[in-house]
Each structure stands twice: as structure tokens, then as C-alpha cells.
Amino acid sequence: MSASTYTFLGPEGTFTETALMQVPGAADASRIPCTNVNTALERVRNGEADAAMVPIENSVEGGVTATLDAIATGPELRIIREALVPITFVLVARPGVVLSDIKRISTHGHAWAQCRLWVEENIPNADYVPGSSTAASAMGLLEGDAHYDAAICAPLIAGEQPGLNVLAENIGDNPDAVTRFILVSRPGTLPERTGADKTTVVVPLPEDHPGALMEILDQFASRGVNLSRIESRPTGQYLGHYFFSIDADGHASDSRVADALAGLHRISPATRFLGSYARADKQAAVVAPHTSDAAFASAHAWVQSILKG
């Protein structure tokens, strides 16, 4: 394996590859497109790749469940970086096809959800054909035996394929849509604290009882740690058994975050730490004076002085 090998949710030309290209050196590295998130991550786990870029959250559709589930189970991985990519879509078809010819449209489920209103207004009778990715749906049109008439994809794909004709641009229902991607590697040294960081954990609900979720949330609230994302996912063990995927503002080396992590582990020993890394938007966490590192250090020193008499 070369010194820099990345996997990503492919094929080439997806928004995920666009996110990967934000990583310094990625343009000159070996990049391996994968058909699904599990494959991209498994190649990292078994040492075939150094890291994988996968989507985790969309501003319109919320969490990407395939990624949330894949990083919550199996051999541990670490998030070392995140990237934000503005999402715009185009409608493409083979040359000669016009809007009135379109009966079936293929794309990824998240893309369809973000363009549904445009389709209903402009091609009201078109049916949706699920695709593994926006790029795969677009490339499928070039194969000649596609069982659909058009595809919704990224402008990058349309621009690189002369066999695709762009029928409509900027068809997303939300012009400010953004997808968040994460770069995932095997466990190792954490990225250094920047002051504008994020920590991601997976917390299984150890016991279903009144206030169980409140106990988890209180570990953050009582220490002044803000949560930017929390989602519940079924563990698959049995109905009603869930884990919580959480993004918290701050780095594991921040006293308030470290104390919260310790609290989580006490009430849910199976808590999985997924990483502390720099925020892509560079927004620093707002820290109250009584939850600063200095305040924690002073408090611990005070307790020690009591114990020493």
C-alpha cells in the first residue's frame, strides 16, 4: 500500500470525492472508489487504505444512516477530519431526450429527497428509481441498457461526460443544502486541539428506564458541553434497543469534554469514542468561565487541598 491511499463512496465524480479533494495531498494520492460505505471503511480496517471519506450528515435529510451504523459497530475507527460540500444538482439524460420524454429518474435517495419538489413541479409523472449514488445513476445512462430515462447528479459528472446532456441546472429544492463528510482512519494519535473542535461518540442505552436519555444528556449539560448533533439508531438486537450518535463541541483534551466522556463511560461502559477533530467551519466553542480548563484545574486543586488537610 502506498503512503497515502484513500477510499471513498464512489464512483468517481461523486460529492464524496469532492470532499476528499479538500484533504491536503489527496489529489496526488491513490484514491479507490467503493460502491458502499461498508466497503470503504472495511478497506481501512484491514489495512488496504489509510483513510476513507464518507458522508455522515446532510443539512436537509439529516444523518446518513449507512455511515452512522457502520462506524458504530465492528473494529473501532477514528474520525480525523471533516469536510463540508455545498450540494447542487443537475438533471441529465442521453442526447435527444427532452423533459416530456422522461418517465423514470434515477439518483441516490438523499439527492431525490432534495429535488423532489422540483421534479413534482416540472415532471409530475416521473417515477423514482433508487441508485447507489448520483454518479452511478448518471453513468448508467451511458451504458445503453438503463431502465430509466434521466438521472440527477452533480454538475461535475455532467461536465466530464460528453454523452450526457444537461436538461436542467440547480434543481435542488434548498439552494443552501450542504453535506458533511468525515475522513475516517484506524485508531492512533488524536488530531491536536485547535479551539474549534468537535468530538463524536456512540452511546448505547444500557437500560431502558425513565430518564435514561436524560442521564446521558446531563453528562454534557452539567459540564457546559454543547451538542451539535444527536441521533438515535436501532442496534438491531431487538425492538426498542437503541444507541445514540452524538457530536459535541470541543476536544477530548478539553477538561469539560474529558469529564463528560468519563461520565458517559460510568453510566454506559460500552460508549465508543469516534474521535476529536477540527471543525470544518472553524467555529470556536463558547465556553462559560466555570467550565474552562482553568476552572476545572482550580476545582481539582481545591479538592486535593481538602484531602491533604
Protein backbone atom coordinates (compact mmCIF):
# COMPACT_ATOMS: atom_id res chain seq x y z
CA MET A 1 0.00 0.00 0.00
CA SER A 2 1.31 3.46 -0.83
CA ALA A 3 1.94 6.07 1.84
CA SER A 4 -1.33 7.80 1.01
CA THR A 5 -4.24 5.64 -0.05
CA TYR A 6 -7.84 6.74 0.38
CA THR A 7 -11.15 5.03 -0.21
CA PHE A 8 -14.36 6.94 -0.78
CA LEU A 9 -18.01 6.36 -1.62
CA GLY A 10 -17.83 6.18 -5.40
CA PRO A 11 -17.83 6.04 -8.27
CA GLU A 12 -15.53 8.85 -9.36
CA GLY A 13 -17.14 12.25 -9.57
CA THR A 14 -19.38 11.96 -6.51
CA PHE A 15 -19.74 14.69 -3.91
CA THR A 16 -17.72 12.39 -1.65
CA GLU A 17 -14.71 12.61 -3.96
CA THR A 18 -15.14 16.38 -3.99
CA ALA A 19 -14.92 16.28 -0.19
CA LEU A 20 -11.85 14.05 -0.33
CA MET A 21 -10.10 16.52 -2.61
CA GLN A 22 -10.21 19.03 0.25
CA VAL A 23 -7.68 16.86 2.12
CA PRO A 24 -4.11 18.12 1.59
CA GLY A 25 -2.26 15.73 -0.72
CA ALA A 26 -5.36 13.79 -1.77
CA ALA A 27 -5.07 14.97 -5.37
CA ASP A 28 -1.74 13.13 -5.70
CA ALA A 29 -2.72 10.12 -3.59
CA SER A 30 -4.18 6.80 -4.62
CA ARG A 31 -7.99 7.11 -4.48
CA ILE A 32 -10.16 4.00 -4.53
CA PRO A 33 -13.89 4.41 -5.20
CA CYS A 34 -16.16 1.95 -3.37
CA THR A 35 -19.74 1.00 -4.08
CA ASN A 36 -20.89 1.45 -0.47
CA VAL A 37 -19.83 2.89 2.88
CA ASN A 38 -19.17 -0.51 4.48
CA THR A 39 -16.66 -1.47 1.79
CA ALA A 40 -14.86 1.88 2.04
CA LEU A 41 -14.49 1.50 5.81
CA GLU A 42 -13.57 -2.20 5.69
CA ARG A 43 -10.61 -1.44 3.44
CA VAL A 44 -9.36 0.92 6.12
CA ARG A 45 -9.90 -1.63 8.86
CA ASN A 46 -7.96 -4.34 7.03
CA GLY A 47 -5.09 -2.02 6.10
CA GLU A 48 -5.74 -1.65 2.37
CA ALA A 49 -6.22 2.10 2.79
CA ASP A 50 -5.06 4.77 5.21
CA ALA A 51 -8.41 6.52 5.47
CA ALA A 52 -11.90 6.67 4.00
CA MET A 53 -14.07 9.68 3.14
CA VAL A 54 -17.77 9.01 3.67
CA PRO A 55 -20.90 11.18 4.13
CA ILE A 56 -22.36 11.44 7.62
CA GLU A 57 -24.90 14.28 7.62
CA ASN A 58 -26.95 16.39 5.25
CA SER A 59 -28.49 19.73 6.15
CA VAL A 60 -31.79 18.70 4.54
CA GLU A 61 -32.07 14.96 5.18
CA GLY A 62 -30.13 14.66 8.42
CA GLY A 63 -27.83 11.76 9.29
CA VAL A 64 -26.61 9.24 6.73
CA THR A 65 -27.74 6.04 8.40
CA ALA A 66 -25.37 3.74 6.49
CA THR A 67 -22.39 5.64 7.89
CA LEU A 68 -23.80 6.05 11.40
CA ASP A 69 -24.37 2.31 11.65
CA ALA A 70 -21.08 1.27 10.03
CA ILE A 71 -18.84 3.28 12.36
CA ALA A 72 -20.82 2.31 15.46
CA THR A 73 -20.01 -1.39 15.11
CA GLY A 74 -17.07 -3.56 14.16
CA PRO A 75 -13.38 -2.82 14.86
CA GLU A 76 -13.01 0.75 16.10
CA LEU A 77 -12.24 3.61 13.75
CA ARG A 78 -11.43 7.27 14.35
CA ILE A 79 -12.73 10.40 12.65
CA ILE A 80 -9.71 12.61 11.96
CA ARG A 81 -11.20 15.32 9.76
CA GLU A 82 -14.49 16.64 8.43
CA ALA A 83 -15.38 18.45 5.21
CA LEU A 84 -18.40 20.47 4.10
CA VAL A 85 -19.56 20.46 0.49
CA PRO A 86 -22.35 22.70 -0.89
CA ILE A 87 -24.73 20.47 -2.81
CA THR A 88 -26.12 21.40 -6.23
CA PHE A 89 -27.83 19.07 -8.68
CA VAL A 90 -28.45 18.85 -12.42
CA LEU A 91 -30.83 16.67 -14.42
CA VAL A 92 -29.08 14.75 -17.20
CA ALA A 93 -30.19 12.44 -20.00
CA ARG A 94 -28.87 10.99 -23.22
CA PRO A 95 -28.75 13.35 -26.23
CA GLY A 96 -32.12 13.76 -27.86
CA VAL A 97 -34.14 13.19 -24.69
CA VAL A 98 -36.35 16.11 -23.59
CA LEU A 99 -38.30 16.67 -20.38
CA SER A 100 -41.54 15.38 -21.85
CA ASP A 101 -39.85 12.03 -22.67
CA ILE A 102 -38.87 11.33 -19.09
CA LYS A 103 -40.86 8.67 -17.28
CA ARG A 104 -38.27 7.38 -14.78
CA ILE A 105 -35.45 9.20 -12.95
CA SER A 106 -32.61 7.56 -11.06
CA THR A 107 -30.41 9.01 -8.31
CA HIS A 108 -29.33 8.42 -4.72
CA GLY A 109 -32.09 8.59 -2.11
CA HIS A 110 -30.71 11.72 -0.44
CA ALA A 111 -30.48 13.51 -3.78
CA TRP A 112 -34.04 12.55 -4.64
CA ALA A 113 -35.28 13.93 -1.33
CA GLN A 114 -33.57 17.24 -2.07
CA CYS A 115 -35.01 17.56 -5.60
CA ARG A 116 -38.46 16.05 -5.11
CA LEU A 117 -40.38 19.32 -5.26
CA TRP A 118 -38.65 20.40 -8.47
CA VAL A 119 -39.46 17.06 -10.09
CA GLU A 120 -43.09 17.19 -8.97
CA GLU A 121 -43.46 20.65 -10.47
CA ASN A 122 -41.63 20.05 -13.75
CA ILE A 123 -42.02 16.29 -14.41
CA PRO A 124 -45.01 15.36 -12.24
CA ASN A 125 -45.50 11.85 -13.66
CA ALA A 126 -41.89 10.69 -13.35
CA ASP A 127 -41.15 7.69 -11.13
CA TYR A 128 -38.11 7.40 -8.90
CA VAL A 129 -35.54 4.62 -9.46
CA PRO A 130 -33.15 4.27 -6.48
CA GLY A 131 -29.45 4.44 -7.32
CA SER A 132 -26.37 3.57 -5.27
CA SER A 133 -25.01 7.08 -5.88
CA THR A 134 -25.72 10.12 -8.02
CA ALA A 135 -22.67 9.36 -10.17
CA ALA A 136 -23.63 5.72 -10.65
CA SER A 137 -27.09 6.74 -11.88
CA ALA A 138 -25.61 9.22 -14.34
CA MET A 139 -23.01 6.76 -15.64
CA GLY A 140 -25.71 4.13 -16.02
CA LEU A 141 -27.27 6.22 -18.78
CA LEU A 142 -24.10 5.80 -20.83
CA GLU A 143 -24.31 2.02 -20.71
CA GLY A 144 -27.26 1.98 -23.09
CA ASP A 145 -29.43 -0.51 -21.20
CA ALA A 146 -30.53 1.74 -18.35
CA HIS A 147 -34.12 1.13 -17.26
CA TYR A 148 -34.63 4.84 -16.62
CA ASP A 149 -34.63 7.94 -18.82
CA ALA A 150 -32.73 10.54 -16.78
CA ALA A 151 -30.55 10.96 -13.71
CA ILE A 152 -29.98 13.57 -11.03
CA CYS A 153 -26.29 14.08 -10.34
CA ALA A 154 -23.54 16.54 -9.51
CA PRO A 155 -22.54 19.14 -12.14
CA LEU A 156 -19.01 17.65 -12.08
CA ILE A 157 -20.21 14.38 -13.58
CA ALA A 158 -22.22 16.10 -16.30
CA GLY A 159 -19.27 18.27 -17.26
CA GLU A 160 -16.90 15.32 -17.60
CA GLN A 161 -19.19 13.09 -19.69
CA PRO A 162 -19.88 14.28 -23.25
CA GLY A 163 -22.52 11.58 -23.63
CA LEU A 164 -24.74 13.30 -21.07
CA ASN A 165 -26.98 16.24 -21.88
CA VAL A 166 -27.88 18.65 -19.07
CA LEU A 167 -31.64 19.30 -19.20
CA ALA A 168 -31.88 21.47 -16.08
CA GLU A 169 -29.45 23.03 -13.59
CA ASN A 170 -29.74 23.96 -9.90
CA ILE A 171 -32.76 21.74 -9.39
CA GLY A 172 -32.31 21.33 -5.62
CA ASP A 173 -35.25 22.45 -3.52
CA ASN A 174 -32.91 24.09 -0.99
CA PRO A 175 -30.20 26.27 -2.58
CA ASP A 176 -28.22 26.28 0.70
CA ALA A 177 -28.00 22.50 1.09
CA VAL A 178 -24.70 21.23 2.49
CA THR A 179 -23.44 17.72 3.13
CA ARG A 180 -20.91 16.96 5.85
CA PHE A 181 -18.31 14.28 5.21
CA ILE A 182 -15.85 12.61 7.58
CA LEU A 183 -12.38 11.22 6.98
CA VAL A 184 -12.02 8.00 8.97
CA SER A 185 -8.82 6.12 9.84
CA ARG A 186 -7.67 3.40 12.21
CA PRO A 187 -7.17 4.46 15.85
CA GLY A 188 -4.00 6.44 16.51
CA THR A 189 -2.83 9.79 17.83
CA LEU A 190 -5.66 12.30 18.02
CA PRO A 191 -5.51 15.46 15.92
CA GLU A 192 -4.30 18.32 18.10
CA ARG A 193 -6.78 20.66 19.73
CA THR A 194 -7.44 23.81 17.69
CA GLY A 195 -10.01 25.57 19.87
CA ALA A 196 -12.66 24.95 17.21
CA ASP A 197 -13.14 21.20 17.52
CA LYS A 198 -15.76 18.51 17.55
CA THR A 199 -15.94 15.19 19.40
CA THR A 200 -18.07 12.29 18.20
CA VAL A 201 -19.22 9.37 20.36
CA VAL A 202 -21.65 6.48 20.15
CA VAL A 203 -23.51 5.80 23.39
CA PRO A 204 -25.62 2.62 23.75
CA LEU A 205 -28.61 2.92 26.04
CA PRO A 206 -27.56 0.43 28.74
CA GLU A 207 -31.01 0.11 30.26
CA ASP A 208 -34.39 1.40 29.12
CA HIS A 209 -35.89 3.23 32.09
CA PRO A 210 -37.47 6.65 32.71
CA GLY A 211 -34.78 9.33 32.46
CA ALA A 212 -32.18 7.10 30.75
CA LEU A 213 -31.63 9.56 27.91
CA MET A 214 -31.60 12.46 30.37
CA GLU A 215 -28.76 10.76 32.23
CA ILE A 216 -26.72 10.72 29.02
CA LEU A 217 -27.51 14.31 28.11
CA ASP A 218 -26.79 15.51 31.63
CA GLN A 219 -23.17 14.38 31.30
CA PHE A 220 -22.76 17.13 28.72
CA ALA A 221 -25.14 19.76 30.09
CA SER A 222 -23.71 19.75 33.61
CA ARG A 223 -20.25 20.42 32.19
CA GLY A 224 -21.25 23.12 29.71
CA VAL A 225 -20.64 21.00 26.60
CA ASN A 226 -22.91 21.90 23.69
CA LEU A 227 -24.23 19.18 21.36
CA SER A 228 -24.40 19.96 17.65
CA ARG A 229 -25.98 16.63 16.67
CA ILE A 230 -27.72 13.72 18.41
CA GLU A 231 -29.44 10.87 16.60
CA SER A 232 -30.87 7.56 17.75
CA ARG A 233 -30.28 4.37 15.79
CA PRO A 234 -31.54 0.84 16.46
CA THR A 235 -28.82 -1.60 17.49
CA GLY A 236 -30.56 -4.44 15.64
CA GLN A 237 -30.54 -6.64 18.72
CA TYR A 238 -34.23 -6.30 19.47
CA LEU A 239 -37.08 -3.83 19.11
CA GLY A 240 -36.63 -0.77 21.32
CA HIS A 241 -32.84 -1.15 21.80
CA TYR A 242 -31.01 1.95 20.58
CA PHE A 243 -27.68 3.71 20.57
CA PHE A 244 -27.15 7.46 20.31
CA SER A 245 -24.72 9.04 17.87
CA ILE A 246 -23.56 12.38 19.29
CA ASP A 247 -21.41 15.30 18.15
CA ALA A 248 -20.22 17.56 20.97
CA ASP A 249 -18.42 20.89 20.74
CA GLY A 250 -14.85 20.60 21.96
CA HIS A 251 -11.86 18.26 22.05
CA ALA A 252 -11.22 15.25 24.28
CA SER A 253 -8.27 17.15 25.74
CA ASP A 254 -10.61 19.93 26.96
CA SER A 255 -11.28 19.31 30.66
CA ARG A 256 -15.03 19.74 30.32
CA VAL A 257 -15.21 17.23 27.42
CA ALA A 258 -12.90 14.74 29.11
CA ASP A 259 -15.03 14.90 32.25
CA ALA A 260 -18.19 14.36 30.18
CA LEU A 261 -16.62 11.34 28.45
CA ALA A 262 -15.72 9.86 31.83
CA GLY A 263 -19.31 10.38 32.98
CA LEU A 264 -20.65 8.65 29.86
CA HIS A 265 -18.39 5.68 30.44
CA ARG A 266 -19.60 5.35 34.01
CA ILE A 267 -23.26 5.07 33.01
CA SER A 268 -22.68 3.31 29.67
CA PRO A 269 -19.38 1.37 29.67
CA ALA A 270 -19.86 0.36 26.01
CA THR A 271 -19.60 4.02 24.91
CA ARG A 272 -17.49 4.22 21.75
CA PHE A 273 -15.19 7.20 21.22
CA LEU A 274 -15.06 8.03 17.50
CA GLY A 275 -12.66 10.97 17.57
CA SER A 276 -11.89 14.61 18.26
CA TYR A 277 -11.06 16.71 15.21
CA ALA A 278 -11.13 20.26 13.86
CA ARG A 279 -14.47 21.68 12.80
CA ALA A 280 -14.68 22.41 9.08
CA ASP A 281 -16.46 25.72 9.75
CA LYS A 282 -13.77 26.75 12.28
CA GLN A 283 -16.39 27.95 14.78
CA ALA A 284 -14.87 28.00 18.25
CA ALA A 285 -16.91 26.58 21.11
CA VAL A 286 -18.47 29.04 23.56
CA VAL A 287 -17.07 28.12 26.97
CA ALA A 288 -18.53 29.53 30.18
CA PRO A 289 -15.90 30.62 32.74
CA HIS A 290 -16.91 27.92 35.22
CA THR A 291 -16.38 25.16 32.62
CA SER A 292 -12.99 26.31 31.35
CA ASP A 293 -9.84 24.22 31.78
CA ALA A 294 -8.64 26.69 34.38
CA ALA A 295 -11.85 26.32 36.39
CA PHE A 296 -11.60 22.51 36.34
CA ALA A 297 -7.94 22.66 37.40
CA SER A 298 -8.73 25.05 40.23
CA ALA A 299 -11.62 22.87 41.42
CA HIS A 300 -9.49 19.71 41.43
CA ALA A 301 -6.71 21.54 43.30
CA TRP A 302 -9.23 22.69 45.89
CA VAL A 303 -10.46 19.13 46.46
CA GLN A 304 -6.89 17.89 46.77
CA SER A 305 -6.15 20.55 49.34
CA ILE A 306 -9.09 19.31 51.40
CA LEU A 307 -7.91 15.69 51.22
CA LYS A 308 -4.40 16.68 52.26
CA GLY A 309 -5.73 18.56 55.24
